[in-house]
C-alpha cells in the first residue's frame, strides 16, 4: 500500500497491473476497502502483526462500520 500511495501521490499513476494481468485502480477507499472493509480483520490485524503504525486515516476518511 505504501508503494501504491507513492505511485499515486508522487508519480500520478492510477492503475496497477497485477502479475495475473488484471488491472486495478490504485485507491485505498475505492478499491481495497471494497473487499477488505472490516478494519479489525484486515487493517488492524496486519498492522499489529507487522508491528507498524496505522496512518491511513490521517489522510483518508475511515469508512463507517470499521
N, C-alpha and C. Protein backbone atom coordinates (compact mmCIF):
# COMPACT_ATOMS: atom_id res chain seq x y z
N UNK A 1 0.82 -1.20 0.00
CA UNK A 1 0.00 0.00 0.00
C UNK A 1 0.86 1.26 0.00
N UNK A 2 1.99 1.18 0.71
CA UNK A 2 2.88 2.34 0.76
C UNK A 2 3.43 2.65 -0.64
N UNK A 3 3.76 1.60 -1.39
CA UNK A 3 4.25 1.79 -2.76
C UNK A 3 3.15 2.37 -3.65
N UNK A 4 1.92 1.88 -3.46
CA UNK A 4 0.79 2.42 -4.23
C UNK A 4 0.60 3.89 -3.91
N UNK A 5 0.66 4.24 -2.64
CA UNK A 5 0.48 5.64 -2.25
C UNK A 5 1.50 6.52 -2.93
N UNK A 6 2.76 6.10 -2.90
CA UNK A 6 3.82 6.89 -3.54
C UNK A 6 3.61 7.01 -5.04
N UNK A 7 3.19 5.92 -5.67
CA UNK A 7 2.96 5.94 -7.11
C UNK A 7 1.84 6.90 -7.48
N UNK A 8 0.76 6.90 -6.69
CA UNK A 8 -0.38 7.77 -6.97
C UNK A 8 -0.08 9.22 -6.63
N UNK A 9 0.39 9.46 -5.42
CA UNK A 9 0.60 10.83 -4.94
C UNK A 9 1.79 11.50 -5.60
N UNK A 10 2.89 10.79 -5.72
CA UNK A 10 4.12 11.41 -6.23
C UNK A 10 4.30 11.31 -7.74
N UNK A 11 3.82 10.17 -8.32
CA UNK A 11 4.07 9.95 -9.74
C UNK A 11 2.82 10.08 -10.61
N UNK A 12 1.66 10.24 -10.00
CA UNK A 12 0.42 10.41 -10.75
C UNK A 12 -0.10 9.14 -11.40
N UNK A 13 0.45 7.97 -11.01
CA UNK A 13 -0.04 6.71 -11.56
C UNK A 13 -1.36 6.36 -10.91
N UNK A 14 -2.27 5.82 -11.69
CA UNK A 14 -3.60 5.48 -11.16
C UNK A 14 -3.94 4.01 -11.30
N UNK A 15 -3.26 3.30 -12.21
CA UNK A 15 -3.60 1.91 -12.49
C UNK A 15 -2.45 0.98 -12.12
N UNK A 16 -2.83 -0.19 -11.60
CA UNK A 16 -1.87 -1.23 -11.24
C UNK A 16 -2.21 -2.47 -12.06
N UNK A 17 -1.21 -3.06 -12.71
CA UNK A 17 -1.39 -4.28 -13.48
C UNK A 17 -0.77 -5.42 -12.69
N UNK A 18 -1.61 -6.36 -12.23
CA UNK A 18 -1.12 -7.48 -11.42
C UNK A 18 -0.39 -8.49 -12.29
N UNK A 19 0.30 -9.40 -11.63
CA UNK A 19 1.03 -10.43 -12.36
C UNK A 19 0.08 -11.36 -13.12
N UNK A 20 -1.19 -11.41 -12.71
CA UNK A 20 -2.18 -12.23 -13.42
C UNK A 20 -2.73 -11.51 -14.65
N UNK A 21 -2.36 -10.23 -14.81
CA UNK A 21 -2.83 -9.46 -15.95
C UNK A 21 -4.06 -8.61 -15.67
N UNK A 22 -4.60 -8.71 -14.45
CA UNK A 22 -5.78 -7.92 -14.08
C UNK A 22 -5.34 -6.51 -13.69
N UNK A 23 -6.12 -5.53 -14.10
CA UNK A 23 -5.83 -4.13 -13.80
C UNK A 23 -6.69 -3.64 -12.64
N UNK A 24 -6.09 -2.89 -11.74
CA UNK A 24 -6.79 -2.32 -10.58
C UNK A 24 -6.54 -0.83 -10.51
N UNK A 25 -7.55 -0.07 -10.08
CA UNK A 25 -7.36 1.35 -9.78
C UNK A 25 -6.70 1.41 -8.41
N UNK A 26 -5.61 2.13 -8.30
CA UNK A 26 -4.89 2.22 -7.03
C UNK A 26 -5.60 3.23 -6.12
N UNK A 27 -6.50 2.72 -5.28
CA UNK A 27 -7.30 3.55 -4.39
C UNK A 27 -7.61 2.77 -3.12
N UNK A 28 -7.22 3.33 -1.98
CA UNK A 28 -7.49 2.66 -0.70
C UNK A 28 -8.99 2.50 -0.49
N UNK A 29 -9.72 3.61 -0.52
CA UNK A 29 -11.15 3.55 -0.23
C UNK A 29 -11.97 3.08 -1.42
N UNK A 30 -11.51 3.31 -2.64
CA UNK A 30 -12.27 2.93 -3.82
C UNK A 30 -12.04 1.51 -4.29
N UNK A 31 -10.90 0.93 -3.95
CA UNK A 31 -10.57 -0.42 -4.41
C UNK A 31 -10.36 -1.37 -3.24
N UNK A 32 -9.38 -1.11 -2.41
CA UNK A 32 -9.01 -2.03 -1.31
C UNK A 32 -10.17 -2.27 -0.35
N UNK A 33 -10.81 -1.18 0.05
CA UNK A 33 -11.85 -1.28 1.08
C UNK A 33 -13.14 -1.93 0.57
N UNK A 34 -13.27 -2.12 -0.73
CA UNK A 34 -14.45 -2.83 -1.25
C UNK A 34 -14.47 -4.27 -0.77
N UNK A 35 -13.32 -4.92 -0.76
CA UNK A 35 -13.24 -6.32 -0.31
C UNK A 35 -12.78 -6.41 1.14
N UNK A 36 -11.92 -5.50 1.53
CA UNK A 36 -11.33 -5.54 2.87
C UNK A 36 -11.93 -4.43 3.73
N UNK A 37 -13.25 -4.50 3.92
CA UNK A 37 -13.94 -3.41 4.62
C UNK A 37 -13.94 -3.56 6.13
N UNK A 38 -13.55 -4.72 6.65
CA UNK A 38 -13.53 -4.93 8.09
C UNK A 38 -12.17 -4.51 8.63
N UNK A 39 -12.09 -3.33 9.20
CA UNK A 39 -10.83 -2.78 9.70
C UNK A 39 -10.15 -3.65 10.72
N UNK A 40 -10.92 -4.29 11.61
CA UNK A 40 -10.33 -5.16 12.63
C UNK A 40 -9.70 -6.40 11.99
N UNK A 41 -10.40 -7.00 11.05
CA UNK A 41 -9.94 -8.24 10.44
C UNK A 41 -8.76 -8.04 9.49
N UNK A 42 -8.72 -6.91 8.83
CA UNK A 42 -7.67 -6.69 7.84
C UNK A 42 -6.64 -5.67 8.29
N UNK A 43 -7.03 -4.42 8.44
CA UNK A 43 -6.08 -3.35 8.75
C UNK A 43 -5.38 -3.56 10.09
N UNK A 44 -6.16 -3.64 11.16
CA UNK A 44 -5.58 -3.74 12.50
C UNK A 44 -4.76 -5.01 12.66
N UNK A 45 -5.29 -6.12 12.19
CA UNK A 45 -4.61 -7.41 12.34
C UNK A 45 -3.27 -7.41 11.61
N UNK A 46 -3.23 -6.93 10.40
CA UNK A 46 -2.00 -6.91 9.60
C UNK A 46 -0.98 -5.94 10.19
N UNK A 47 -1.44 -4.74 10.56
CA UNK A 47 -0.52 -3.76 11.13
C UNK A 47 0.03 -4.22 12.46
N UNK A 48 -0.77 -4.88 13.26
CA UNK A 48 -0.30 -5.42 14.54
C UNK A 48 0.75 -6.50 14.30
N UNK A 49 0.48 -7.39 13.36
CA UNK A 49 1.40 -8.48 13.04
C UNK A 49 2.75 -7.92 12.56
N UNK A 50 2.69 -6.91 11.70
CA UNK A 50 3.90 -6.32 11.14
C UNK A 50 4.58 -5.34 12.09
N UNK A 51 3.87 -4.96 13.15
CA UNK A 51 4.44 -4.03 14.12
C UNK A 51 4.61 -2.62 13.58
N UNK A 52 3.68 -2.21 12.72
CA UNK A 52 3.74 -0.86 12.15
C UNK A 52 2.51 -0.06 12.55
N UNK A 53 2.67 1.24 12.57
CA UNK A 53 1.60 2.14 12.98
C UNK A 53 0.64 2.39 11.82
N UNK A 54 -0.65 2.33 12.09
CA UNK A 54 -1.69 2.56 11.10
C UNK A 54 -1.87 4.07 10.92
N UNK A 55 -1.55 4.58 9.72
CA UNK A 55 -1.64 6.02 9.47
C UNK A 55 -2.58 6.37 8.33
N UNK A 56 -3.28 5.38 7.79
CA UNK A 56 -4.16 5.62 6.63
C UNK A 56 -5.19 6.71 6.90
N UNK A 57 -5.74 6.68 8.13
CA UNK A 57 -6.85 7.58 8.44
C UNK A 57 -6.38 8.98 8.80
N UNK A 58 -5.08 9.23 8.71
CA UNK A 58 -4.58 10.60 8.85
C UNK A 58 -5.00 11.44 7.64
N UNK A 59 -5.11 10.77 6.48
CA UNK A 59 -5.49 11.46 5.25
C UNK A 59 -6.86 11.03 4.73
N UNK A 60 -7.19 9.75 4.90
CA UNK A 60 -8.44 9.19 4.38
C UNK A 60 -9.51 9.20 5.45
N UNK A 61 -10.76 9.30 5.02
CA UNK A 61 -11.89 9.22 5.93
C UNK A 61 -12.18 7.74 6.16
N UNK A 62 -12.15 7.31 7.42
CA UNK A 62 -12.39 5.90 7.72
C UNK A 62 -13.85 5.56 7.42
N UNK A 63 -14.06 4.50 6.62
CA UNK A 63 -15.43 4.11 6.29
C UNK A 63 -16.22 3.73 7.54
N UNK A 64 -17.50 3.99 7.53
CA UNK A 64 -18.37 3.64 8.66
C UNK A 64 -18.40 2.13 8.82
N UNK A 65 -18.47 1.68 10.06
CA UNK A 65 -18.53 0.26 10.34
C UNK A 65 -17.19 -0.38 10.55
N UNK A 66 -16.12 0.37 10.46
CA UNK A 66 -14.77 -0.19 10.68
C UNK A 66 -14.33 0.03 12.10
